[in-house]
Amino acid sequence: MRWLNHFGTVEVSPLYPQRKGHIFTCTVFQATIFDLYNKKDVYTYGELAELTKIPKKNLDANLVSMCNPKIKVLNKEIGKPKFESDSEKLSLNLEFKNPNLLLNLRPQGAAKKIDGSELQGQKRVEEDLTRERSAQIDGAVVKIMKTHKNEAARHQDLVNKTMQLITIFRAQPPQIKIRIEELILQGYMRRDDAERTKYWYIA
């Protein structure tokens, strides 16, 4: 299993003195940073980098968003939208006020820029995920077909049972259809000669 932290979204409900009810929609990185502020109100940039182990590019983008003057959940010691010193202090804004109860803290702009190596990395992860899910679907389809050794399985019944059998992700009908076609090519099953929407298991 791979955790794709940069794709995650978390809802955080902060407890400010005299002000309750806000919900922050943030990244997994930001939620990790928020969790540290349960222990104390002030950290240096260097401490946040060391404790979270978040890559600098991601850490900077997420912190800049949290320090945005329009929202400002964190107070930034130096009034620049970048971090040049590990000793710069970032403190929890205990005077936080905002008329909106629902706030999106996720980075915009710079956070969306992805360099070549990151893009290749994401592509590899997506390819691995596709292979893993294809294997899961193949296994489910073959398992179901083995229970139909003496009878043909209807396409829609096979798709529905496959979706029910797979619980670690939500398999979609088009995905299952593609894998059925592949299993036919590999010789695990065949179409019924008279009715093309029925399949026979090949032992």
N, C-alpha and C. Protein backbone atom coordinates (compact mmCIF):
# COMPACT_ATOMS: atom_id res chain seq x y z
N MET A 1 0.84 -1.19 0.00
CA MET A 1 0.00 0.00 0.00
C MET A 1 0.88 1.24 0.00
N ARG A 2 0.53 2.23 -0.82
CA ARG A 2 1.26 3.50 -0.88
C ARG A 2 0.37 4.62 -0.37
N TRP A 3 0.92 5.47 0.50
CA TRP A 3 0.19 6.64 0.97
C TRP A 3 0.58 7.83 0.11
N LEU A 4 -0.39 8.39 -0.61
CA LEU A 4 -0.15 9.54 -1.46
C LEU A 4 -0.55 10.81 -0.71
N ASN A 5 0.37 11.25 0.16
CA ASN A 5 0.04 12.36 1.06
C ASN A 5 -0.31 13.64 0.34
N HIS A 6 0.32 13.87 -0.82
CA HIS A 6 0.07 15.13 -1.53
C HIS A 6 -1.32 15.18 -2.15
N PHE A 7 -2.03 14.01 -2.19
CA PHE A 7 -3.39 13.99 -2.72
C PHE A 7 -4.44 14.05 -1.62
N GLY A 8 -4.02 13.96 -0.37
CA GLY A 8 -4.97 13.87 0.74
C GLY A 8 -5.58 15.20 1.14
N THR A 9 -6.77 15.14 1.71
CA THR A 9 -7.46 16.31 2.24
C THR A 9 -7.97 15.98 3.64
N VAL A 10 -7.79 16.92 4.56
CA VAL A 10 -8.18 16.72 5.95
C VAL A 10 -9.02 17.90 6.41
N GLU A 11 -10.04 17.63 7.22
CA GLU A 11 -10.82 18.70 7.84
C GLU A 11 -10.41 18.82 9.30
N VAL A 12 -9.99 20.02 9.69
CA VAL A 12 -9.52 20.28 11.05
C VAL A 12 -10.48 21.25 11.72
N SER A 13 -10.88 20.92 12.94
CA SER A 13 -11.77 21.81 13.72
C SER A 13 -10.98 22.39 14.89
N PRO A 14 -10.43 23.59 14.74
CA PRO A 14 -9.61 24.19 15.80
C PRO A 14 -10.47 24.67 16.97
N LEU A 15 -9.87 24.69 18.13
CA LEU A 15 -10.57 25.18 19.33
C LEU A 15 -9.89 26.46 19.80
N TYR A 16 -10.40 27.59 19.32
CA TYR A 16 -9.87 28.89 19.72
C TYR A 16 -10.64 29.40 20.94
N PRO A 17 -9.95 30.11 21.84
CA PRO A 17 -10.65 30.68 22.99
C PRO A 17 -11.79 31.61 22.55
N GLN A 18 -12.97 31.36 23.02
CA GLN A 18 -14.16 32.18 22.75
C GLN A 18 -14.66 32.09 21.30
N ARG A 19 -13.97 31.31 20.46
CA ARG A 19 -14.40 31.22 19.06
C ARG A 19 -14.39 29.75 18.65
N LYS A 20 -15.56 29.22 18.39
CA LYS A 20 -15.67 27.82 18.02
C LYS A 20 -16.49 27.65 16.75
N GLY A 21 -16.35 26.53 16.12
CA GLY A 21 -17.17 26.21 14.97
C GLY A 21 -16.47 26.29 13.63
N HIS A 22 -15.22 26.80 13.58
CA HIS A 22 -14.51 26.87 12.32
C HIS A 22 -14.08 25.47 11.87
N ILE A 23 -14.07 25.27 10.57
CA ILE A 23 -13.56 24.03 9.99
C ILE A 23 -12.58 24.40 8.88
N PHE A 24 -11.35 23.92 9.00
CA PHE A 24 -10.32 24.19 8.00
C PHE A 24 -10.18 22.97 7.08
N THR A 25 -10.29 23.19 5.78
CA THR A 25 -9.98 22.14 4.83
C THR A 25 -8.51 22.30 4.45
N CYS A 26 -7.71 21.30 4.75
CA CYS A 26 -6.28 21.45 4.55
C CYS A 26 -5.65 20.17 4.01
N THR A 27 -4.38 20.25 3.68
CA THR A 27 -3.65 19.10 3.18
C THR A 27 -3.21 18.23 4.36
N VAL A 28 -2.75 17.02 4.04
CA VAL A 28 -2.21 16.14 5.09
C VAL A 28 -0.98 16.81 5.71
N PHE A 29 -0.18 17.49 4.90
CA PHE A 29 0.99 18.19 5.42
C PHE A 29 0.58 19.25 6.44
N GLN A 30 -0.45 20.03 6.12
CA GLN A 30 -0.90 21.08 7.03
C GLN A 30 -1.48 20.48 8.31
N ALA A 31 -2.19 19.37 8.19
CA ALA A 31 -2.74 18.72 9.37
C ALA A 31 -1.61 18.25 10.29
N THR A 32 -0.53 17.78 9.68
CA THR A 32 0.65 17.36 10.46
C THR A 32 1.24 18.54 11.21
N ILE A 33 1.31 19.69 10.54
CA ILE A 33 1.82 20.90 11.18
C ILE A 33 0.90 21.34 12.31
N PHE A 34 -0.42 21.34 12.05
CA PHE A 34 -1.38 21.72 13.08
C PHE A 34 -1.23 20.85 14.33
N ASP A 35 -1.00 19.57 14.12
CA ASP A 35 -0.89 18.64 15.25
C ASP A 35 0.24 19.03 16.20
N LEU A 36 1.32 19.57 15.65
CA LEU A 36 2.43 20.00 16.50
C LEU A 36 2.03 21.13 17.43
N TYR A 37 1.14 22.00 16.94
CA TYR A 37 0.73 23.15 17.75
C TYR A 37 -0.21 22.77 18.89
N ASN A 38 -0.54 21.50 19.00
CA ASN A 38 -1.25 21.04 20.19
C ASN A 38 -0.31 20.98 21.39
N LYS A 39 1.00 20.97 21.11
CA LYS A 39 2.00 20.84 22.17
C LYS A 39 2.55 22.18 22.64
N LYS A 40 2.74 23.11 21.71
CA LYS A 40 3.16 24.46 22.09
C LYS A 40 2.76 25.43 21.00
N ASP A 41 2.81 26.73 21.30
CA ASP A 41 2.27 27.75 20.39
C ASP A 41 3.27 28.31 19.40
N VAL A 42 4.56 28.08 19.63
CA VAL A 42 5.58 28.69 18.77
C VAL A 42 6.63 27.66 18.37
N TYR A 43 6.94 27.64 17.07
CA TYR A 43 8.02 26.81 16.55
C TYR A 43 8.86 27.64 15.59
N THR A 44 10.12 27.28 15.45
CA THR A 44 10.93 27.90 14.40
C THR A 44 10.71 27.09 13.12
N TYR A 45 11.05 27.70 12.01
CA TYR A 45 10.93 27.00 10.73
C TYR A 45 11.75 25.72 10.74
N GLY A 46 12.96 25.82 11.30
CA GLY A 46 13.84 24.65 11.38
C GLY A 46 13.23 23.52 12.19
N GLU A 47 12.56 23.86 13.29
CA GLU A 47 11.92 22.83 14.11
C GLU A 47 10.79 22.14 13.35
N LEU A 48 9.99 22.92 12.63
CA LEU A 48 8.89 22.34 11.86
C LEU A 48 9.43 21.41 10.77
N ALA A 49 10.51 21.84 10.13
CA ALA A 49 11.11 21.02 9.07
C ALA A 49 11.64 19.71 9.65
N GLU A 50 12.30 19.78 10.79
CA GLU A 50 12.88 18.60 11.43
C GLU A 50 11.83 17.65 11.95
N LEU A 51 10.80 18.18 12.59
CA LEU A 51 9.77 17.34 13.22
C LEU A 51 8.82 16.70 12.21
N THR A 52 8.51 17.42 11.13
CA THR A 52 7.55 16.88 10.16
C THR A 52 8.20 16.07 9.05
N LYS A 53 9.47 16.36 8.77
CA LYS A 53 10.19 15.70 7.67
C LYS A 53 9.54 15.96 6.31
N ILE A 54 8.76 17.04 6.22
CA ILE A 54 8.12 17.39 4.95
C ILE A 54 9.16 18.02 4.03
N PRO A 55 9.23 17.59 2.76
CA PRO A 55 10.19 18.21 1.82
C PRO A 55 10.03 19.73 1.79
N LYS A 56 11.15 20.44 1.67
CA LYS A 56 11.14 21.90 1.77
C LYS A 56 10.13 22.56 0.84
N LYS A 57 10.07 22.09 -0.42
CA LYS A 57 9.16 22.70 -1.38
C LYS A 57 7.71 22.60 -0.92
N ASN A 58 7.34 21.43 -0.40
CA ASN A 58 5.98 21.23 0.09
C ASN A 58 5.74 21.97 1.40
N LEU A 59 6.75 21.95 2.28
CA LEU A 59 6.62 22.64 3.57
C LEU A 59 6.42 24.13 3.36
N ASP A 60 7.23 24.73 2.49
CA ASP A 60 7.13 26.17 2.25
C ASP A 60 5.76 26.55 1.68
N ALA A 61 5.30 25.78 0.68
CA ALA A 61 4.02 26.10 0.05
C ALA A 61 2.87 26.01 1.05
N ASN A 62 2.90 24.99 1.90
CA ASN A 62 1.82 24.82 2.87
C ASN A 62 1.87 25.86 3.99
N LEU A 63 3.06 26.23 4.43
CA LEU A 63 3.19 27.24 5.48
C LEU A 63 2.79 28.62 4.97
N VAL A 64 3.19 28.94 3.74
CA VAL A 64 2.81 30.24 3.16
C VAL A 64 1.30 30.39 3.13
N SER A 65 0.61 29.32 2.78
CA SER A 65 -0.85 29.36 2.75
C SER A 65 -1.42 29.56 4.14
N MET A 66 -0.82 28.92 5.14
CA MET A 66 -1.31 29.04 6.51
C MET A 66 -1.02 30.42 7.10
N CYS A 67 -0.01 31.10 6.55
CA CYS A 67 0.35 32.44 7.02
C CYS A 67 -0.26 33.55 6.18
N ASN A 68 -1.03 33.18 5.18
CA ASN A 68 -1.66 34.16 4.29
C ASN A 68 -2.42 35.21 5.11
N PRO A 69 -2.13 36.50 4.93
CA PRO A 69 -2.79 37.56 5.72
C PRO A 69 -4.31 37.52 5.67
N LYS A 70 -4.87 36.97 4.57
CA LYS A 70 -6.33 36.92 4.45
C LYS A 70 -6.94 35.88 5.40
N ILE A 71 -6.13 34.91 5.80
CA ILE A 71 -6.61 33.88 6.72
C ILE A 71 -5.81 33.90 8.01
N LYS A 72 -4.49 33.75 7.87
CA LYS A 72 -3.54 33.91 8.96
C LYS A 72 -3.86 33.05 10.19
N VAL A 73 -3.76 31.76 10.01
CA VAL A 73 -3.90 30.88 11.17
C VAL A 73 -2.57 30.77 11.90
N LEU A 74 -1.47 31.13 11.19
CA LEU A 74 -0.15 31.19 11.82
C LEU A 74 0.43 32.58 11.62
N ASN A 75 1.13 33.07 12.64
CA ASN A 75 1.82 34.35 12.55
C ASN A 75 3.26 34.11 12.10
N LYS A 76 3.65 34.77 11.01
CA LYS A 76 5.00 34.63 10.47
C LYS A 76 5.86 35.79 10.95
N GLU A 77 7.02 35.48 11.51
CA GLU A 77 7.87 36.51 12.10
C GLU A 77 8.37 37.50 11.06
N ILE A 78 8.73 37.03 9.89
CA ILE A 78 9.24 37.89 8.82
C ILE A 78 8.17 38.01 7.74
N GLY A 79 7.82 39.24 7.41
CA GLY A 79 6.71 39.48 6.48
C GLY A 79 7.04 39.27 5.03
N LYS A 80 7.60 38.12 4.68
CA LYS A 80 7.88 37.78 3.29
C LYS A 80 7.27 36.41 3.00
N PRO A 81 6.77 36.20 1.78
CA PRO A 81 6.13 34.91 1.44
C PRO A 81 7.15 33.82 1.10
N LYS A 82 8.25 33.78 1.85
CA LYS A 82 9.24 32.73 1.67
C LYS A 82 10.01 32.55 2.97
N PHE A 83 10.74 31.44 3.04
CA PHE A 83 11.46 31.12 4.27
C PHE A 83 12.94 30.99 3.97
N GLU A 84 13.72 31.90 4.56
CA GLU A 84 15.16 31.94 4.30
C GLU A 84 15.98 31.62 5.53
N SER A 85 15.35 31.54 6.69
CA SER A 85 16.08 31.30 7.93
C SER A 85 15.41 30.21 8.76
N ASP A 86 16.20 29.26 9.21
CA ASP A 86 15.66 28.19 10.06
C ASP A 86 15.22 28.71 11.42
N SER A 87 15.72 29.89 11.80
CA SER A 87 15.39 30.44 13.12
C SER A 87 14.13 31.29 13.12
N GLU A 88 13.54 31.52 11.92
CA GLU A 88 12.31 32.32 11.87
C GLU A 88 11.20 31.62 12.65
N LYS A 89 10.49 32.41 13.45
CA LYS A 89 9.45 31.84 14.31
C LYS A 89 8.08 31.90 13.64
N LEU A 90 7.31 30.84 13.83
CA LEU A 90 5.92 30.78 13.37
C LEU A 90 5.06 30.41 14.56
N SER A 91 4.17 31.31 14.91
CA SER A 91 3.36 31.10 16.11
C SER A 91 1.89 30.91 15.76
N LEU A 92 1.19 30.17 16.58
CA LEU A 92 -0.24 29.96 16.40
C LEU A 92 -0.96 31.28 16.65
N ASN A 93 -1.82 31.67 15.75
CA ASN A 93 -2.55 32.93 15.89
C ASN A 93 -3.76 32.71 16.80
N LEU A 94 -3.55 32.98 18.09
CA LEU A 94 -4.62 32.78 19.07
C LEU A 94 -5.70 33.84 18.98
N GLU A 95 -5.43 34.91 18.20
CA GLU A 95 -6.42 35.96 17.99
C GLU A 95 -7.17 35.77 16.66
N PHE A 96 -7.08 34.60 16.12
CA PHE A 96 -7.69 34.32 14.82
C PHE A 96 -9.18 34.68 14.82
N LYS A 97 -9.58 35.38 13.76
CA LYS A 97 -10.99 35.73 13.56
C LYS A 97 -11.30 35.64 12.08
N ASN A 98 -12.46 35.10 11.76
CA ASN A 98 -12.89 35.06 10.37
C ASN A 98 -14.39 34.83 10.35
N PRO A 99 -15.13 35.63 9.60
CA PRO A 99 -16.59 35.47 9.56
C PRO A 99 -17.05 34.17 8.90
N ASN A 100 -16.16 33.58 8.10
CA ASN A 100 -16.50 32.32 7.43
C ASN A 100 -16.13 31.14 8.32
N LEU A 101 -17.06 30.24 8.51
CA LEU A 101 -16.78 29.07 9.35
C LEU A 101 -16.02 28.00 8.57
N LEU A 102 -16.22 27.94 7.26
CA LEU A 102 -15.53 26.96 6.43
C LEU A 102 -14.43 27.67 5.65
N LEU A 103 -13.18 27.25 5.85
CA LEU A 103 -12.06 27.90 5.20
C LEU A 103 -11.15 26.88 4.53
N ASN A 104 -10.73 27.20 3.32
CA ASN A 104 -9.83 26.32 2.58
C ASN A 104 -8.40 26.83 2.72
N LEU A 105 -7.56 26.04 3.36
CA LEU A 105 -6.17 26.44 3.58
C LEU A 105 -5.20 25.83 2.58
N ARG A 106 -5.69 24.98 1.71
CA ARG A 106 -4.80 24.29 0.79
C ARG A 106 -4.06 25.27 -0.10
N PRO A 107 -2.79 25.02 -0.38
CA PRO A 107 -1.97 25.93 -1.17
C PRO A 107 -2.52 26.12 -2.59
N GLN A 108 -2.32 27.30 -3.10
CA GLN A 108 -2.72 27.61 -4.47
C GLN A 108 -1.47 28.04 -5.24
N GLY A 109 -1.54 28.09 -6.53
CA GLY A 109 -0.44 28.61 -7.33
C GLY A 109 0.82 27.79 -7.24
N ALA A 110 1.76 28.25 -6.39
CA ALA A 110 3.07 27.59 -6.31
C ALA A 110 2.95 26.14 -5.91
N ALA A 111 1.95 25.82 -5.10
CA ALA A 111 1.80 24.45 -4.64
C ALA A 111 1.38 23.52 -5.77
N LYS A 112 0.84 24.09 -6.84
CA LYS A 112 0.36 23.27 -7.94
C LYS A 112 1.46 23.00 -8.97
N LYS A 113 2.60 23.71 -8.84
CA LYS A 113 3.67 23.53 -9.80
C LYS A 113 4.43 22.25 -9.48
N ILE A 114 4.59 21.42 -10.48
CA ILE A 114 5.25 20.14 -10.29
C ILE A 114 6.42 20.05 -11.24
N ASP A 115 7.61 19.75 -10.73
CA ASP A 115 8.76 19.64 -11.62
C ASP A 115 8.77 18.27 -12.29
N GLY A 116 9.73 18.09 -13.23
CA GLY A 116 9.77 16.87 -14.01
C GLY A 116 9.89 15.61 -13.18
N SER A 117 10.77 15.61 -12.17
CA SER A 117 10.98 14.42 -11.36
C SER A 117 9.73 14.05 -10.58
N GLU A 118 9.02 15.06 -10.05
CA GLU A 118 7.79 14.80 -9.31
C GLU A 118 6.72 14.23 -10.23
N LEU A 119 6.66 14.78 -11.46
CA LEU A 119 5.66 14.32 -12.42
C LEU A 119 5.92 12.86 -12.79
N GLN A 120 7.19 12.51 -12.98
CA GLN A 120 7.54 11.13 -13.29
C GLN A 120 7.22 10.22 -12.11
N GLY A 121 7.49 10.72 -10.90
CA GLY A 121 7.19 9.94 -9.71
C GLY A 121 5.70 9.66 -9.59
N GLN A 122 4.88 10.68 -9.82
CA GLN A 122 3.44 10.50 -9.77
C GLN A 122 2.97 9.52 -10.84
N LYS A 123 3.59 9.61 -12.02
CA LYS A 123 3.21 8.70 -13.10
C LYS A 123 3.51 7.26 -12.74
N ARG A 124 4.67 7.04 -12.10
CA ARG A 124 5.03 5.69 -11.68
C ARG A 124 4.07 5.16 -10.64
N VAL A 125 3.70 6.02 -9.70
CA VAL A 125 2.76 5.61 -8.66
C VAL A 125 1.41 5.24 -9.27
N GLU A 126 0.96 6.06 -10.22
CA GLU A 126 -0.32 5.79 -10.88
C GLU A 126 -0.28 4.48 -11.66
N GLU A 127 0.87 4.22 -12.32
CA GLU A 127 1.02 2.98 -13.08
C GLU A 127 1.02 1.78 -12.14
N ASP A 128 1.72 1.90 -11.01
CA ASP A 128 1.75 0.82 -10.02
C ASP A 128 0.36 0.57 -9.47
N LEU A 129 -0.36 1.65 -9.20
CA LEU A 129 -1.71 1.53 -8.66
C LEU A 129 -2.64 0.84 -9.65
N THR A 130 -2.50 1.20 -10.93
CA THR A 130 -3.32 0.57 -11.97
C THR A 130 -3.04 -0.92 -12.05
N ARG A 131 -1.76 -1.30 -11.98
CA ARG A 131 -1.39 -2.72 -12.02
C ARG A 131 -1.95 -3.48 -10.82
N GLU A 132 -1.84 -2.87 -9.63
CA GLU A 132 -2.34 -3.51 -8.42
C GLU A 132 -3.85 -3.71 -8.47
N ARG A 133 -4.55 -2.69 -8.94
CA ARG A 133 -6.01 -2.79 -9.02
C ARG A 133 -6.44 -3.78 -10.11
N SER A 134 -5.70 -3.82 -11.20
CA SER A 134 -6.01 -4.79 -12.26
C SER A 134 -5.86 -6.21 -11.72
N ALA A 135 -4.81 -6.43 -10.93
CA ALA A 135 -4.60 -7.77 -10.35
C ALA A 135 -5.73 -8.13 -9.40
N GLN A 136 -6.19 -7.14 -8.62
CA GLN A 136 -7.30 -7.38 -7.69
C GLN A 136 -8.57 -7.77 -8.46
N ILE A 137 -8.85 -7.05 -9.55
CA ILE A 137 -10.05 -7.33 -10.35
C ILE A 137 -9.92 -8.70 -11.01
N ASP A 138 -8.73 -8.99 -11.57
CA ASP A 138 -8.53 -10.29 -12.20
C ASP A 138 -8.79 -11.43 -11.23
N GLY A 139 -8.24 -11.28 -10.01
CA GLY A 139 -8.42 -12.32 -9.01
C GLY A 139 -9.88 -12.52 -8.64
N ALA A 140 -10.61 -11.41 -8.52
CA ALA A 140 -12.02 -11.49 -8.16
C ALA A 140 -12.84 -12.14 -9.27
N VAL A 141 -12.57 -11.74 -10.51
CA VAL A 141 -13.33 -12.29 -11.65
C VAL A 141 -13.09 -13.80 -11.77
N VAL A 142 -11.83 -14.22 -11.67
CA VAL A 142 -11.51 -15.65 -11.78
C VAL A 142 -12.14 -16.44 -10.64
N LYS A 143 -12.12 -15.86 -9.44
CA LYS A 143 -12.74 -16.55 -8.29
C LYS A 143 -14.23 -16.76 -8.51
N ILE A 144 -14.88 -15.74 -9.04
CA ILE A 144 -16.32 -15.84 -9.31
C ILE A 144 -16.59 -16.85 -10.43
N MET A 145 -15.78 -16.80 -11.48
CA MET A 145 -15.98 -17.70 -12.61
C MET A 145 -15.78 -19.16 -12.22
N LYS A 146 -14.92 -19.41 -11.25
CA LYS A 146 -14.70 -20.79 -10.80
C LYS A 146 -15.96 -21.39 -10.18
N THR A 147 -16.86 -20.51 -9.70
CA THR A 147 -18.12 -21.01 -9.14
C THR A 147 -19.16 -21.25 -10.23
N HIS A 148 -18.78 -20.96 -11.48
CA HIS A 148 -19.68 -21.17 -12.62
C HIS A 148 -19.08 -22.16 -13.62
N LYS A 149 -18.41 -23.18 -13.11
CA LYS A 149 -17.74 -24.13 -14.00
C LYS A 149 -18.73 -24.85 -14.91
N ASN A 150 -19.93 -25.07 -14.42
CA ASN A 150 -20.91 -25.85 -15.18
C ASN A 150 -22.02 -24.99 -15.79
N GLU A 151 -21.85 -23.68 -15.69
CA GLU A 151 -22.84 -22.78 -16.26
C GLU A 151 -22.19 -21.47 -16.66
N ALA A 152 -22.82 -20.78 -17.59
CA ALA A 152 -22.29 -19.50 -18.05
C ALA A 152 -22.67 -18.39 -17.07
N ALA A 153 -21.80 -17.41 -16.97
CA ALA A 153 -22.06 -16.24 -16.12
C ALA A 153 -22.44 -15.07 -16.99
N ARG A 154 -23.51 -14.39 -16.63
CA ARG A 154 -23.93 -13.20 -17.38
C ARG A 154 -23.02 -12.03 -17.06
N HIS A 155 -22.79 -11.20 -18.07
CA HIS A 155 -21.87 -10.07 -17.91
C HIS A 155 -22.23 -9.18 -16.73
N GLN A 156 -23.49 -8.74 -16.65
CA GLN A 156 -23.87 -7.82 -15.59
C GLN A 156 -23.79 -8.46 -14.21
N ASP A 157 -24.13 -9.75 -14.12
CA ASP A 157 -24.01 -10.45 -12.84
C ASP A 157 -22.55 -10.54 -12.42
N LEU A 158 -21.69 -10.81 -13.38
CA LEU A 158 -20.25 -10.91 -13.09
C LEU A 158 -19.69 -9.57 -12.62
N VAL A 159 -20.11 -8.50 -13.29
CA VAL A 159 -19.66 -7.16 -12.89
C VAL A 159 -20.14 -6.82 -11.48
N ASN A 160 -21.41 -7.08 -11.20
CA ASN A 160 -21.96 -6.76 -9.88
C ASN A 160 -21.28 -7.54 -8.77
N LYS A 161 -21.06 -8.83 -9.00
CA LYS A 161 -20.41 -9.67 -7.98
C LYS A 161 -18.95 -9.26 -7.77
N THR A 162 -18.30 -8.85 -8.85
CA THR A 162 -16.91 -8.39 -8.73
C THR A 162 -16.83 -7.12 -7.89
N MET A 163 -17.75 -6.19 -8.12
CA MET A 163 -17.79 -4.95 -7.35
C MET A 163 -18.04 -5.23 -5.88
N GLN A 164 -18.87 -6.22 -5.58
CA GLN A 164 -19.17 -6.58 -4.19
C GLN A 164 -17.99 -7.27 -3.52
N LEU A 165 -17.25 -8.06 -4.30
CA LEU A 165 -16.15 -8.83 -3.74
C LEU A 165 -14.94 -7.98 -3.40
N ILE A 166 -14.71 -6.93 -4.19
CA ILE A 166 -13.54 -6.06 -3.95
C ILE A 166 -13.92 -4.97 -2.95
N THR A 167 -13.22 -4.95 -1.83
CA THR A 167 -13.55 -3.99 -0.77
C THR A 167 -12.47 -2.93 -0.53
N ILE A 168 -11.26 -3.15 -1.05
CA ILE A 168 -10.19 -2.19 -0.75
C ILE A 168 -10.24 -0.96 -1.64
N PHE A 169 -11.02 -1.01 -2.73
CA PHE A 169 -11.27 0.16 -3.55
C PHE A 169 -12.58 -0.08 -4.31
N ARG A 170 -13.12 0.96 -4.89
CA ARG A 170 -14.40 0.85 -5.59
C ARG A 170 -14.14 0.59 -7.07
N ALA A 171 -14.22 -0.67 -7.45
CA ALA A 171 -14.01 -1.04 -8.85
C ALA A 171 -15.18 -0.54 -9.69
N GLN A 172 -14.86 0.04 -10.84
CA GLN A 172 -15.88 0.59 -11.72
C GLN A 172 -16.16 -0.38 -12.88
N PRO A 173 -17.41 -0.43 -13.37
CA PRO A 173 -17.77 -1.33 -14.47
C PRO A 173 -16.83 -1.25 -15.67
N PRO A 174 -16.42 -0.04 -16.14
CA PRO A 174 -15.50 0.00 -17.29
C PRO A 174 -14.17 -0.70 -17.00
N GLN A 175 -13.67 -0.56 -15.75
CA GLN A 175 -12.42 -1.23 -15.37
C GLN A 175 -12.60 -2.74 -15.44
N ILE A 176 -13.72 -3.21 -14.90
CA ILE A 176 -13.98 -4.65 -14.87
C ILE A 176 -14.14 -5.20 -16.28
N LYS A 177 -14.81 -4.44 -17.14
CA LYS A 177 -15.00 -4.87 -18.53
C LYS A 177 -13.66 -5.04 -19.22
N ILE A 178 -12.73 -4.12 -19.01
CA ILE A 178 -11.41 -4.20 -19.62
C ILE A 178 -10.67 -5.44 -19.14
N ARG A 179 -10.78 -5.72 -17.82
CA ARG A 179 -10.07 -6.89 -17.28
C ARG A 179 -10.71 -8.19 -17.77
N ILE A 180 -12.02 -8.21 -17.97
CA ILE A 180 -12.68 -9.40 -18.51
C ILE A 180 -12.15 -9.68 -19.92
N GLU A 181 -12.03 -8.63 -20.72
CA GLU A 181 -11.51 -8.79 -22.08
C GLU A 181 -10.08 -9.34 -22.04
N GLU A 182 -9.29 -8.85 -21.09
CA GLU A 182 -7.91 -9.31 -20.97
C GLU A 182 -7.85 -10.78 -20.54
N LEU A 183 -8.73 -11.17 -19.61
CA LEU A 183 -8.76 -12.56 -19.16
C LEU A 183 -9.21 -13.50 -20.27
N ILE A 184 -10.08 -13.01 -21.15
CA ILE A 184 -10.49 -13.81 -22.31
C ILE A 184 -9.28 -14.02 -23.23
N LEU A 185 -8.50 -12.96 -23.46
CA LEU A 185 -7.31 -13.06 -24.30
C LEU A 185 -6.27 -13.99 -23.69
N GLN A 186 -6.20 -14.02 -22.36
CA GLN A 186 -5.23 -14.87 -21.67
C GLN A 186 -5.69 -16.32 -21.55
N GLY A 187 -6.94 -16.58 -21.94
CA GLY A 187 -7.43 -17.95 -21.94
C GLY A 187 -8.04 -18.45 -20.65
N TYR A 188 -8.38 -17.52 -19.74
CA TYR A 188 -9.00 -17.93 -18.48
C TYR A 188 -10.51 -18.15 -18.64
N MET A 189 -11.10 -17.53 -19.64
CA MET A 189 -12.53 -17.62 -19.86
C MET A 189 -12.83 -17.35 -21.34
N ARG A 190 -14.04 -17.64 -21.75
CA ARG A 190 -14.43 -17.39 -23.14
C ARG A 190 -15.87 -16.91 -23.20
N ARG A 191 -16.24 -16.31 -24.32
CA ARG A 191 -17.61 -15.88 -24.51
C ARG A 191 -18.48 -17.07 -24.95
N ASP A 192 -19.73 -17.00 -24.59
CA ASP A 192 -20.68 -18.01 -25.04
C ASP A 192 -20.87 -17.87 -26.55
N ASP A 193 -20.90 -19.00 -27.27
CA ASP A 193 -21.01 -18.96 -28.73
C ASP A 193 -22.32 -18.35 -29.21
N ALA A 194 -23.40 -18.57 -28.44
CA ALA A 194 -24.72 -18.09 -28.86
C ALA A 194 -25.06 -16.72 -28.30
N GLU A 195 -24.59 -16.45 -27.09
CA GLU A 195 -24.93 -15.18 -26.43
C GLU A 195 -23.65 -14.52 -25.93
N ARG A 196 -23.26 -13.42 -26.57
CA ARG A 196 -21.95 -12.80 -26.31
C ARG A 196 -21.84 -12.14 -24.95
N THR A 197 -22.95 -11.94 -24.26
CA THR A 197 -22.91 -11.31 -22.93
C THR A 197 -22.80 -12.36 -21.82
N LYS A 198 -22.54 -13.61 -22.22
CA LYS A 198 -22.32 -14.68 -21.24
C LYS A 198 -20.89 -15.19 -21.37
N TYR A 199 -20.34 -15.64 -20.24
CA TYR A 199 -18.95 -16.12 -20.24
C TYR A 199 -18.87 -17.51 -19.61
N TRP A 200 -17.91 -18.30 -20.13
CA TRP A 200 -17.65 -19.61 -19.58
C TRP A 200 -16.23 -19.64 -19.01
N TYR A 201 -16.09 -20.30 -17.87
CA TYR A 201 -14.76 -20.45 -17.26
C TYR A 201 -14.02 -21.57 -17.96
N ILE A 202 -12.73 -21.36 -18.24
CA ILE A 202 -11.90 -22.39 -18.86
C ILE A 202 -10.98 -22.96 -17.78
N ALA A 203 -11.20 -24.19 -17.39
CA ALA A 203 -10.41 -24.82 -16.33
C ALA A 203 -9.00 -25.11 -16.82
